[in-house]
PDB file of N, CA and C in Angstrom:
ATOM      1  N   ALA A   1      92.468 -36.088 140.478  1.00  0.00           N
ATOM      2  CA  ALA A   1      92.422 -36.411 139.347  1.00  0.00           C
ATOM      3  C   ALA A   1      93.845 -37.037 138.872  1.00  0.00           C
ATOM      4  N   SER A   2      95.051 -36.632 139.359  1.00  0.00           N
ATOM      5  CA  SER A   2      96.045 -37.115 139.191  1.00  0.00           C
ATOM      6  C   SER A   2      96.320 -38.860 139.542  1.00  0.00           C
ATOM      7  N   LEU A   3      94.989 -39.406 140.167  1.00  0.00           N
ATOM      8  CA  LEU A   3      95.211 -40.905 140.344  1.00  0.00           C
ATOM      9  C   LEU A   3      95.334 -41.659 139.263  1.00  0.00           C
ATOM     10  N   ALA A   4      94.762 -41.253 137.968  1.00  0.00           N
ATOM     11  CA  ALA A   4      94.804 -41.631 136.801  1.00  0.00           C
ATOM     12  C   ALA A   4      96.538 -42.203 136.300  1.00  0.00           C
ATOM     13  N   ALA A   5      97.192 -40.864 136.334  1.00  0.00           N
ATOM     14  CA  ALA A   5      98.549 -40.667 136.038  1.00  0.00           C
ATOM     15  C   ALA A   5      98.899 -39.289 136.480  1.00  0.00           C
ATOM     16  N   ARG A   6     100.289 -39.067 136.797  1.00  0.00           N
ATOM     17  CA  ARG A   6     101.139 -37.931 137.118  1.00  0.00           C
ATOM     18  C   ARG A   6     100.776 -36.953 136.006  1.00  0.00           C
ATOM     19  N   GLU A   7     100.664 -37.194 134.698  1.00  0.00           N
ATOM     20  CA  GLU A   7     100.532 -36.444 133.501  1.00  0.00           C
ATOM     21  C   GLU A   7      99.332 -35.654 133.844  1.00  0.00           C
ATOM     22  N   VAL A   8      98.244 -36.157 134.194  1.00  0.00           N
ATOM     23  CA  VAL A   8      96.991 -35.614 134.320  1.00  0.00           C
ATOM     24  C   VAL A   8      96.712 -34.125 134.832  1.00  0.00           C
ATOM     25  N   ILE A   9      97.983 -34.011 135.837  1.00  0.00           N
ATOM     26  CA  ILE A   9      97.807 -32.822 136.904  1.00  0.00           C
ATOM     27  C   ILE A   9      97.806 -31.617 135.719  1.00  0.00           C
ATOM     28  N   ILE A  10      98.584 -31.547 134.681  1.00  0.00           N
ATOM     29  CA  ILE A  10      98.587 -30.394 133.831  1.00  0.00           C
ATOM     30  C   ILE A  10      97.306 -30.032 133.422  1.00  0.00           C
ATOM     31  N   ALA A  11      96.494 -30.982 132.834  1.00  0.00           N
ATOM     32  CA  ALA A  11      95.135 -30.817 132.277  1.00  0.00           C
ATOM     33  C   ALA A  11      94.137 -30.488 133.492  1.00  0.00           C
ATOM     34  N   THR A  12      94.534 -30.959 134.660  1.00  0.00           N
ATOM     35  CA  THR A  12      93.623 -30.638 135.683  1.00  0.00           C
ATOM     36  C   THR A  12      93.663 -29.159 136.142  1.00  0.00           C
ATOM     37  N   LEU A  13      95.153 -28.723 136.313  1.00  0.00           N
ATOM     38  CA  LEU A  13      95.373 -27.417 136.689  1.00  0.00           C
ATOM     39  C   LEU A  13      94.577 -26.525 135.777  1.00  0.00           C
ATOM     40  N   ALA A  14      94.732 -26.707 134.410  1.00  0.00           N
ATOM     41  CA  ALA A  14      94.467 -25.750 133.393  1.00  0.00           C
ATOM     42  C   ALA A  14      92.897 -25.652 133.540  1.00  0.00           C
ATOM     43  N   GLN A  15      92.109 -26.869 133.884  1.00  0.00           N
ATOM     44  CA  GLN A  15      90.718 -26.538 134.235  1.00  0.00           C
ATOM     45  C   GLN A  15      90.627 -25.952 135.344  1.00  0.00           C
ATOM     46  N   ILE A  16      91.139 -26.118 136.553  1.00  0.00           N
ATOM     47  CA  ILE A  16      91.054 -25.273 137.740  1.00  0.00           C
ATOM     48  C   ILE A  16      91.275 -23.880 137.629  1.00  0.00           C
ATOM     49  N   TYR A  17      92.093 -23.497 136.548  1.00  0.00           N
ATOM     50  CA  TYR A  17      92.478 -22.109 136.739  1.00  0.00           C
ATOM     51  C   TYR A  17      91.790 -21.476 135.366  1.00  0.00           C
ATOM     52  N   SER A  18      90.968 -22.084 134.436  1.00  0.00           N
ATOM     53  CA  SER A  18      90.312 -21.718 133.687  1.00  0.00           C
ATOM     54  C   SER A  18      90.969 -21.245 132.446  1.00  0.00           C
ATOM     55  N   VAL A  19      92.007 -22.190 132.006  1.00  0.00           N
ATOM     56  CA  VAL A  19      92.928 -21.653 130.832  1.00  0.00           C
ATOM     57  C   VAL A  19      92.216 -22.351 129.677  1.00  0.00           C
ATOM     58  N   GLU A  20      91.932 -21.638 128.752  1.00  0.00           N
ATOM     59  CA  GLU A  20      91.266 -21.938 127.664  1.00  0.00           C
ATOM     60  C   GLU A  20      92.316 -22.292 126.465  1.00  0.00           C
ATOM     61  N   GLU A  21      93.515 -21.594 126.289  1.00  0.00           N
ATOM     62  CA  GLU A  21      94.498 -21.857 125.448  1.00  0.00           C
ATOM     63  C   GLU A  21      95.291 -23.146 125.285  1.00  0.00           C
ATOM     64  N   GLU A  22      95.404 -23.786 124.283  1.00  0.00           N
ATOM     65  CA  GLU A  22      96.515 -24.984 124.505  1.00  0.00           C
ATOM     66  C   GLU A  22      97.887 -24.788 124.689  1.00  0.00           C
ATOM     67  N   ASP A  23      98.132 -23.575 124.795  1.00  0.00           N
ATOM     68  CA  ASP A  23      99.843 -23.229 124.724  1.00  0.00           C
ATOM     69  C   ASP A  23      99.913 -23.267 126.321  1.00  0.00           C
ATOM     70  N   GLU A  24     101.129 -23.828 126.657  1.00  0.00           N
ATOM     71  CA  GLU A  24     101.501 -23.941 128.018  1.00  0.00           C
ATOM     72  C   GLU A  24     101.905 -22.962 128.703  1.00  0.00           C
ATOM     73  N   SER A  25     102.405 -21.850 128.089  1.00  0.00           N
ATOM     74  CA  SER A  25     102.567 -20.488 128.483  1.00  0.00           C
ATOM     75  C   SER A  25     101.543 -19.830 129.000  1.00  0.00           C
ATOM     76  N   ALA A  26     100.339 -20.059 128.321  1.00  0.00           N
ATOM     77  CA  ALA A  26      99.056 -19.503 128.839  1.00  0.00           C
ATOM     78  C   ALA A  26      98.793 -20.078 130.406  1.00  0.00           C
ATOM     79  N   LEU A  27      99.121 -21.285 130.723  1.00  0.00           N
ATOM     80  CA  LEU A  27      98.806 -21.780 132.055  1.00  0.00           C
ATOM     81  C   LEU A  27      99.901 -21.349 133.052  1.00  0.00           C
ATOM     82  N   VAL A  28     101.110 -21.255 132.531  1.00  0.00           N
ATOM     83  CA  VAL A  28     102.311 -20.783 133.665  1.00  0.00           C
ATOM     84  C   VAL A  28     102.061 -19.574 133.852  1.00  0.00           C
ATOM     85  N   ASP A  29     101.192 -18.478 132.822  1.00  0.00           N
ATOM     86  CA  ASP A  29     101.117 -17.245 133.071  1.00  0.00           C
ATOM     87  C   ASP A  29      99.970 -17.149 134.336  1.00  0.00           C
ATOM     88  N   THR A  30      98.831 -18.000 133.802  1.00  0.00           N
ATOM     89  CA  THR A  30      97.810 -17.867 134.667  1.00  0.00           C
ATOM     90  C   THR A  30      98.040 -18.328 136.107  1.00  0.00           C
ATOM     91  N   MET A  31      98.941 -19.363 136.572  1.00  0.00           N
ATOM     92  CA  MET A  31      99.162 -19.767 137.631  1.00  0.00           C
ATOM     93  C   MET A  31     100.337 -18.653 138.376  1.00  0.00           C
ATOM     94  N   ARG A  32     100.958 -18.154 137.746  1.00  0.00           N
ATOM     95  CA  ARG A  32     101.829 -17.076 138.138  1.00  0.00           C
ATOM     96  C   ARG A  32     100.918 -15.851 138.773  1.00  0.00           C
ATOM     97  N   ASN A  33     100.125 -15.679 138.183  1.00  0.00           N
ATOM     98  CA  ASN A  33      99.166 -14.529 138.569  1.00  0.00           C
ATOM     99  C   ASN A  33      98.080 -14.798 139.748  1.00  0.00           C
ATOM    100  N   ARG A  34      97.838 -15.998 139.840  1.00  0.00           N
ATOM    101  CA  ARG A  34      96.680 -16.399 140.583  1.00  0.00           C
ATOM    102  C   ARG A  34      97.054 -17.513 141.717  1.00  0.00           C
ATOM    103  N   LEU A  35      98.234 -17.986 141.724  1.00  0.00           N
ATOM    104  CA  LEU A  35      98.646 -18.859 142.794  1.00  0.00           C
ATOM    105  C   LEU A  35      98.977 -18.016 144.032  1.00  0.00           C
ATOM    106  N   ALA A  36      98.296 -18.560 145.085  1.00  0.00           N
ATOM    107  CA  ALA A  36      98.459 -18.007 146.262  1.00  0.00           C
ATOM    108  C   ALA A  36      98.375 -19.234 147.369  1.00  0.00           C
ATOM    109  N   PRO A  37      98.755 -18.612 148.483  1.00  0.00           N
ATOM    110  CA  PRO A  37      98.677 -19.713 149.894  1.00  0.00           C
ATOM    111  C   PRO A  37      97.129 -19.712 150.134  1.00  0.00           C
ATOM    112  N   PRO A  38      96.538 -20.854 150.545  1.00  0.00           N
ATOM    113  CA  PRO A  38      95.290 -20.681 151.623  1.00  0.00           C
ATOM    114  C   PRO A  38      95.014 -19.444 152.374  1.00  0.00           C
ATOM    115  N   GLY A  39      93.807 -18.615 152.252  1.00  0.00           N
ATOM    116  CA  GLY A  39      93.548 -17.467 153.083  1.00  0.00           C
ATOM    117  C   GLY A  39      94.294 -16.168 152.461  1.00  0.00           C
ATOM    118  N   VAL A  40      94.761 -16.302 151.373  1.00  0.00           N
ATOM    119  CA  VAL A  40      95.694 -15.085 150.989  1.00  0.00           C
ATOM    120  C   VAL A  40      95.130 -14.825 149.486  1.00  0.00           C
ATOM    121  N   ALA A  41      94.683 -13.583 149.400  1.00  0.00           N
ATOM    122  CA  ALA A  41      94.117 -13.366 147.870  1.00  0.00           C
ATOM    123  C   ALA A  41      95.169 -13.111 147.007  1.00  0.00           C
ATOM    124  N   PRO A  42      95.195 -13.730 145.681  1.00  0.00           N
ATOM    125  CA  PRO A  42      96.033 -13.631 144.819  1.00  0.00           C
ATOM    126  C   PRO A  42      96.667 -12.350 144.599  1.00  0.00           C
ATOM    127  N   ALA A  43      96.116 -11.353 144.532  1.00  0.00           N
ATOM    128  CA  ALA A  43      96.611 -10.042 144.264  1.00  0.00           C
ATOM    129  C   ALA A  43      97.499  -9.603 145.510  1.00  0.00           C
ATOM    130  N   GLN A  44      97.348 -10.268 146.794  1.00  0.00           N
ATOM    131  CA  GLN A  44      98.150  -9.955 147.909  1.00  0.00           C
ATOM    132  C   GLN A  44      99.307 -10.703 148.079  1.00  0.00           C
ATOM    133  N   ALA A  45      99.251 -11.773 147.479  1.00  0.00           N
ATOM    134  CA  ALA A  45     100.211 -12.800 147.492  1.00  0.00           C
ATOM    135  C   ALA A  45     101.953 -12.432 147.093  1.00  0.00           C
ATOM    136  N   SER A  46     102.734 -12.403 147.923  1.00  0.00           N
ATOM    137  CA  SER A  46     104.059 -12.019 147.577  1.00  0.00           C
ATOM    138  C   SER A  46     104.768 -13.132 146.572  1.00  0.00           C
ATOM    139  N   SER A  47     105.927 -12.712 145.699  1.00  0.00           N
ATOM    140  CA  SER A  47     106.450 -13.598 145.098  1.00  0.00           C
ATOM    141  C   SER A  47     107.092 -14.698 145.681  1.00  0.00           C
ATOM    142  N   GLY A  48     107.550 -14.579 146.949  1.00  0.00           N
ATOM    143  CA  GLY A  48     107.939 -15.881 147.954  1.00  0.00           C
ATOM    144  C   GLY A  48     106.793 -16.726 148.253  1.00  0.00           C
ATOM    145  N   GLN A  49     105.526 -16.209 148.422  1.00  0.00           N
ATOM    146  CA  GLN A  49     104.295 -17.100 148.831  1.00  0.00           C
ATOM    147  C   GLN A  49     104.364 -18.007 147.762  1.00  0.00           C
ATOM    148  N   ARG A  50     103.965 -17.488 146.404  1.00  0.00           N
ATOM    149  CA  ARG A  50     103.714 -18.163 145.019  1.00  0.00           C
ATOM    150  C   ARG A  50     105.078 -19.006 144.896  1.00  0.00           C
ATOM    151  N   LEU A  51     106.072 -18.654 145.016  1.00  0.00           N
ATOM    152  CA  LEU A  51     107.151 -19.883 144.886  1.00  0.00           C
ATOM    153  C   LEU A  51     107.037 -21.046 145.666  1.00  0.00           C
ATOM    154  N   ALA A  52     106.673 -20.839 146.966  1.00  0.00           N
ATOM    155  CA  ALA A  52     106.305 -21.652 148.291  1.00  0.00           C
ATOM    156  C   ALA A  52     105.377 -22.735 147.885  1.00  0.00           C
ATOM    157  N   VAL A  53     104.255 -22.148 147.355  1.00  0.00           N
ATOM    158  CA  VAL A  53     102.964 -22.688 147.048  1.00  0.00           C
ATOM    159  C   VAL A  53     103.602 -23.667 145.647  1.00  0.00           C
ATOM    160  N   ALA A  54     104.235 -23.131 144.720  1.00  0.00           N
ATOM    161  CA  ALA A  54     104.419 -23.837 143.313  1.00  0.00           C
ATOM    162  C   ALA A  54     105.620 -25.027 143.648  1.00  0.00           C
ATOM    163  N   LEU A  55     106.545 -24.673 144.595  1.00  0.00           N
ATOM    164  CA  LEU A  55     107.525 -25.731 144.952  1.00  0.00           C
ATOM    165  C   LEU A  55     107.010 -26.817 145.833  1.00  0.00           C
ATOM    166  N   SER A  56     106.073 -26.436 146.932  1.00  0.00           N
ATOM    167  CA  SER A  56     105.525 -27.598 147.621  1.00  0.00           C
ATOM    168  C   SER A  56     104.746 -28.637 146.743  1.00  0.00           C
ATOM    169  N   LEU A  57     103.992 -28.012 145.811  1.00  0.00           N
ATOM    170  CA  LEU A  57     103.189 -28.685 144.940  1.00  0.00           C
ATOM    171  C   LEU A  57     103.876 -29.711 144.056  1.00  0.00           C
ATOM    172  N   LEU A  58     105.200 -29.221 143.885  1.00  0.00           N
ATOM    173  CA  LEU A  58     106.116 -29.983 142.990  1.00  0.00           C
ATOM    174  C   LEU A  58     106.787 -31.064 143.735  1.00  0.00           C
ATOM    175  N   VAL A  59     107.064 -30.810 145.156  1.00  0.00           N
ATOM    176  CA  VAL A  59     107.613 -31.758 146.014  1.00  0.00           C
ATOM    177  C   VAL A  59     106.651 -32.987 146.327  1.00  0.00           C
ATOM    178  N   PHE A  60     105.274 -32.375 146.438  1.00  0.00           N
ATOM    179  CA  PHE A  60     104.243 -33.523 146.601  1.00  0.00           C
ATOM    180  C   PHE A  60     104.315 -34.642 145.456  1.00  0.00           C
ATOM    181  N   PHE A  61     104.250 -33.712 144.415  1.00  0.00           N
ATOM    182  CA  PHE A  61     104.082 -34.882 143.238  1.00  0.00           C
ATOM    183  C   PHE A  61     105.276 -35.810 143.123  1.00  0.00           C
ATOM    184  N   ILE A  62     106.440 -35.353 143.456  1.00  0.00           N
ATOM    185  CA  ILE A  62     107.751 -36.128 143.352  1.00  0.00           C
ATOM    186  C   ILE A  62     107.678 -37.371 144.101  1.00  0.00           C
ATOM    187  N   PHE A  63     106.942 -37.258 145.575  1.00  0.00           N
ATOM    188  CA  PHE A  63     106.934 -38.287 146.555  1.00  0.00           C
ATOM    189  C   PHE A  63     105.827 -39.116 146.392  1.00  0.00           C
ATOM    190  N   ALA A  64     104.569 -38.508 146.212  1.00  0.00           N
ATOM    191  CA  ALA A  64     103.355 -39.100 146.140  1.00  0.00           C
ATOM    192  C   ALA A  64     103.073 -40.362 145.250  1.00  0.00           C
ATOM    193  N   LEU A  65     102.710 -41.295 145.733  1.00  0.00           N
ATOM    194  CA  LEU A  65     102.306 -42.678 144.883  1.00  0.00           C
ATOM    195  C   LEU A  65     100.850 -42.408 144.771  1.00  0.00           C
ATOM    196  N   GLN A  66     100.745 -42.058 143.402  1.00  0.00           N
ATOM    197  CA  GLN A  66      99.284 -41.733 143.240  1.00  0.00           C
ATOM    198  C   GLN A  66      98.655 -42.534 141.836  1.00  0.00           C
ATOM    199  N   CYS A  67      99.421 -43.142 141.166  1.00  0.00           N
ATOM    200  CA  CYS A  67      99.220 -43.964 140.086  1.00  0.00           C
ATOM    201  C   CYS A  67      98.365 -45.149 140.337  1.00  0.00           C
ATOM    202  N   VAL A  68      97.191 -45.286 140.024  1.00  0.00           N
ATOM    203  CA  VAL A  68      96.265 -46.480 140.386  1.00  0.00           C
ATOM    204  C   VAL A  68      96.759 -47.719 139.732  1.00  0.00           C
ATOM    205  N   SER A  69      97.274 -47.641 138.466  1.00  0.00           N
ATOM    206  CA  SER A  69      97.835 -48.648 138.062  1.00  0.00           C
ATOM    207  C   SER A  69      99.012 -49.282 138.626  1.00  0.00           C
ATOM    208  N   THR A  70      99.706 -48.434 139.013  1.00  0.00           N
ATOM    209  CA  THR A  70     100.942 -49.023 140.025  1.00  0.00           C
ATOM    210  C   THR A  70     100.261 -49.799 141.234  1.00  0.00           C
ATOM    211  N   LEU A  71      99.286 -49.181 141.993  1.00  0.00           N
ATOM    212  CA  LEU A  71      98.690 -49.862 143.173  1.00  0.00           C
ATOM    213  C   LEU A  71      98.144 -51.241 142.549  1.00  0.00           C
ATOM    214  N   ALA A  72      97.435 -51.291 141.338  1.00  0.00           N
ATOM    215  CA  ALA A  72      97.106 -52.661 140.857  1.00  0.00           C
ATOM    216  C   ALA A  72      98.013 -53.608 140.724  1.00  0.00           C
ATOM    217  N   VAL A  73      99.215 -53.104 139.957  1.00  0.00           N
ATOM    218  CA  VAL A  73     100.265 -53.954 140.065  1.00  0.00           C
ATOM    219  C   VAL A  73     100.800 -54.577 141.097  1.00  0.00           C
ATOM    220  N   MET A  74     101.056 -53.706 142.098  1.00  0.00           N
ATOM    221  CA  MET A  74     101.513 -54.265 143.235  1.00  0.00           C
ATOM    222  C   MET A  74     100.417 -55.003 143.962  1.00  0.00           C
ATOM    223  N   ARG A  75      99.163 -54.903 144.087  1.00  0.00           N
ATOM    224  CA  ARG A  75      98.282 -55.764 144.339  1.00  0.00           C
ATOM    225  C   ARG A  75      98.329 -57.178 143.867  1.00  0.00           C
ATOM    226  N   ARG A  76      98.631 -57.236 142.358  1.00  0.00           N
ATOM    227  CA  ARG A  76      98.579 -58.350 141.634  1.00  0.00           C
ATOM    228  C   ARG A  76      99.935 -59.144 141.700  1.00  0.00           C
ATOM    229  N   GLU A  77     101.134 -58.487 142.153  1.00  0.00           N
ATOM    230  CA  GLU A  77     102.198 -59.173 142.369  1.00  0.00           C
ATOM    231  C   GLU A  77     102.336 -59.814 143.821  1.00  0.00           C
ATOM    232  N   THR A  78     101.687 -59.042 144.559  1.00  0.00           N
ATOM    233  CA  THR A  78     101.648 -59.582 146.211  1.00  0.00           C
ATOM    234  C   THR A  78     100.561 -60.439 146.355  1.00  0.00           C
ATOM    235  N   GLY A  79      99.621 -60.266 145.821  1.00  0.00           N
ATOM    236  CA  GLY A  79      98.116 -61.275 145.839  1.00  0.00           C
ATOM    237  C   GLY A  79      97.320 -60.339 146.869  1.00  0.00           C
ATOM    238  N   ASN A  80      97.580 -59.251 147.463  1.00  0.00           N
ATOM    239  CA  ASN A  80      96.608 -59.013 148.648  1.00  0.00           C
ATOM    240  C   ASN A  80      96.803 -57.133 148.529  1.00  0.00           C
ATOM    241  N   TRP A  81      95.951 -56.657 149.108  1.00  0.00           N
ATOM    242  CA  TRP A  81      95.998 -55.039 149.173  1.00  0.00           C
ATOM    243  C   TRP A  81      96.882 -54.402 150.172  1.00  0.00           C
ATOM    244  N   ARG A  82      97.358 -55.103 151.177  1.00  0.00           N
ATOM    245  CA  ARG A  82      98.080 -55.049 152.383  1.00  0.00           C
ATOM    246  C   ARG A  82      99.259 -53.981 152.022  1.00  0.00           C
ATOM    247  N   LEU A  83     100.179 -54.628 151.086  1.00  0.00           N
ATOM    248  CA  LEU A  83     101.386 -53.766 150.708  1.00  0.00           C
ATOM    249  C   LEU A  83     101.176 -52.598 149.938  1.00  0.00           C
ATOM    250  N   PRO A  84     100.095 -52.646 148.984  1.00  0.00           N
ATOM    251  CA  PRO A  84      99.651 -51.354 148.308  1.00  0.00           C
ATOM    252  C   PRO A  84      99.105 -50.199 149.204  1.00  0.00           C
ATOM    253  N   ALA A  85      98.414 -50.884 150.177  1.00  0.00           N
ATOM    254  CA  ALA A  85      98.244 -49.817 151.109  1.00  0.00           C
ATOM    255  C   ALA A  85      98.861 -49.170 152.116  1.00  0.00           C
ATOM    256  N   ILE A  86      99.851 -50.095 152.335  1.00  0.00           N
ATOM    257  CA  ILE A  86     101.047 -49.599 153.173  1.00  0.00           C
ATOM    258  C   ILE A  86     101.711 -48.427 152.451  1.00  0.00           C
ATOM    259  N   ALA A  87     102.186 -48.918 151.131  1.00  0.00           N
ATOM    260  CA  ALA A  87     102.875 -47.984 150.326  1.00  0.00           C
ATOM    261  C   ALA A  87     102.175 -46.902 149.804  1.00  0.00           C
ATOM    262  N   PHE A  88     100.983 -46.825 149.657  1.00  0.00           N
ATOM    263  CA  PHE A  88     100.236 -45.392 149.576  1.00  0.00           C
ATOM    264  C   PHE A  88     100.242 -44.717 150.645  1.00  0.00           C
ATOM    265  N   ALA A  89      99.840 -45.177 151.753  1.00  0.00           N
ATOM    266  CA  ALA A  89      99.948 -44.347 153.023  1.00  0.00           C
ATOM    267  C   ALA A  89     100.957 -43.610 153.347  1.00  0.00           C
ATOM    268  N   SER A  90     102.186 -44.768 153.402  1.00  0.00           N
ATOM    269  CA  SER A  90     103.457 -44.293 153.538  1.00  0.00           C
ATOM    270  C   SER A  90     104.016 -43.097 152.771  1.00  0.00           C
ATOM    271  N   MET A  91     103.652 -43.254 151.669  1.00  0.00           N
ATOM    272  CA  MET A  91     104.442 -42.368 150.376  1.00  0.00           C
ATOM    273  C   MET A  91     103.194 -41.015 150.466  1.00  0.00           C
ATOM    274  N   PHE A  92     102.136 -41.122 151.053  1.00  0.00           N
ATOM    275  CA  PHE A  92     101.508 -39.928 151.081  1.00  0.00           C
ATOM    276  C   PHE A  92     101.951 -39.085 152.325  1.00  0.00           C
ATOM    277  N   VAL A  93     101.993 -39.623 153.324  1.00  0.00           N
ATOM    278  CA  VAL A  93     102.666 -38.891 154.586  1.00  0.00           C
ATOM    279  C   VAL A  93     103.866 -38.388 154.195  1.00  0.00           C
ATOM    280  N   LEU A  94     104.759 -39.249 153.631  1.00  0.00           N
ATOM    281  CA  LEU A  94     106.359 -38.498 153.184  1.00  0.00           C
ATOM    282  C   LEU A  94     106.168 -37.455 152.225  1.00  0.00           C
ATOM    283  N   ALA A  95     105.062 -37.614 151.318  1.00  0.00           N
ATOM    284  CA  ALA A  95     105.175 -36.259 150.297  1.00  0.00           C
ATOM    285  C   ALA A  95     104.248 -35.196 151.027  1.00  0.00           C
ATOM    286  N   TYR A  96     103.489 -35.384 151.748  1.00  0.00           N
ATOM    287  CA  TYR A  96     102.682 -34.197 152.792  1.00  0.00           C
ATOM    288  C   TYR A  96     103.943 -33.529 153.559  1.00  0.00           C
ATOM    289  N   LEU A  97     104.512 -34.429 154.440  1.00  0.00           N
ATOM    290  CA  LEU A  97     105.528 -33.701 155.029  1.00  0.00           C
ATOM    291  C   LEU A  97     106.578 -32.889 154.389  1.00  0.00           C
ATOM    292  N   ALA A  98     107.200 -33.494 153.269  1.00  0.00           N
ATOM    293  CA  ALA A  98     108.186 -32.777 152.542  1.00  0.00           C
ATOM    294  C   ALA A  98     107.622 -31.898 151.928  1.00  0.00           C
ATOM    295  N   SER A  99     106.432 -31.796 151.712  1.00  0.00           N
ATOM    296  CA  SER A  99     105.497 -30.496 151.085  1.00  0.00           C
ATOM    297  C   SER A  99     105.573 -29.476 152.099  1.00  0.00           C
ATOM    298  N   ALA A 100     105.147 -29.543 153.209  1.00  0.00           N
ATOM    299  CA  ALA A 100     105.316 -28.773 154.404  1.00  0.00           C
ATOM    300  C   ALA A 100     106.302 -28.093 154.388  1.00  0.00           C
ATOM    301  N   VAL A 101     107.603 -28.979 154.697  1.00  0.00           N
ATOM    302  CA  VAL A 101     108.917 -28.490 154.951  1.00  0.00           C
ATOM    303  C   VAL A 101     109.367 -27.640 153.756  1.00  0.00           C
ATOM    304  N   THR A 102     108.864 -27.810 152.450  1.00  0.00           N
ATOM    305  CA  THR A 102     109.459 -27.302 151.411  1.00  0.00           C
ATOM    306  C   THR A 102     108.640 -25.872 151.717  1.00  0.00           C
ATOM    307  N   TYR A 103     107.609 -25.795 151.754  1.00  0.00           N
ATOM    308  CA  TYR A 103     106.773 -24.692 151.825  1.00  0.00           C
ATOM    309  C   TYR A 103     107.154 -23.815 153.080  1.00  0.00           C
ATOM    310  N   ARG A 104     107.426 -24.384 154.267  1.00  0.00           N
ATOM    311  CA  ARG A 104     108.127 -23.534 155.187  1.00  0.00           C
ATOM    312  C   ARG A 104     109.360 -22.935 155.160  1.00  0.00           C
ATOM    313  N   LEU A 105     110.085 -23.917 154.462  1.00  0.00           N
ATOM    314  CA  LEU A 105     111.786 -23.249 154.309  1.00  0.00           C
ATOM    315  C   LEU A 105     111.741 -22.506 153.196  1.00  0.00           C
ATOM    316  N   THR A 106     111.031 -22.333 152.020  1.00  0.00           N
ATOM    317  CA  THR A 106     110.885 -21.449 151.085  1.00  0.00           C
ATOM    318  C   THR A 106     110.425 -20.082 151.501  1.00  0.00           C
ATOM    319  N   LEU A 107     109.398 -20.112 152.376  1.00  0.00           N
ATOM    320  CA  LEU A 107     108.807 -18.679 152.876  1.00  0.00           C
ATOM    321  C   LEU A 107     110.065 -18.249 153.665  1.00  0.00           C
ATOM    322  N   TRP A 108     110.868 -19.229 154.731  1.00  0.00           N
ATOM    323  CA  TRP A 108     112.062 -18.559 155.567  1.00  0.00           C
ATOM    324  C   TRP A 108     113.152 -18.026 154.689  1.00  0.00           C
ATOM    325  N   LEU A 109     113.490 -18.756 153.571  1.00  0.00           N
ATOM    326  CA  LEU A 109     114.359 -18.103 152.845  1.00  0.00           C
ATOM    327  C   LEU A 109     114.011 -16.931 151.932  1.00  0.00           C
ATOM    328  N   ALA A 110     112.847 -16.912 151.797  1.00  0.00           N
ATOM    329  CA  ALA A 110     112.347 -15.723 150.838  1.00  0.00           C
ATOM    330  C   ALA A 110     112.120 -14.585 151.719  1.00  0.00           C
ATOM    331  N   ALA A 111     112.223 -14.615 152.817  1.00  0.00           N
ATOM    332  CA  ALA A 111     111.932 -13.388 153.991  1.00  0.00           C
ATOM    333  C   ALA A 111     112.985 -12.551 153.877  1.00  0.00           C
TER     334      ALA A 111
END
């Protein structure tokens, strides 16, 4: 959903976690209680695991080139899709790797 714009992730997270209140503290509280790594029940997730998931999500969004309008402008400026495709793929790989490193490093430091 964040391909439209990075700001859309907040509304997407609110929908994923079924937050009905419009107050951002409700989303924060819900994520704090339900955020867990894959394969771990939210009730069994430690605070270190929750922090690792949250930080890795933030790092991914820092590096990932996800805005379709940015890709469209790059395509218009370059005249083809080659450079936007390379930029999207390379930024996705960088974001994924940085997110994975952040996750593992946070788990290691929290242990």
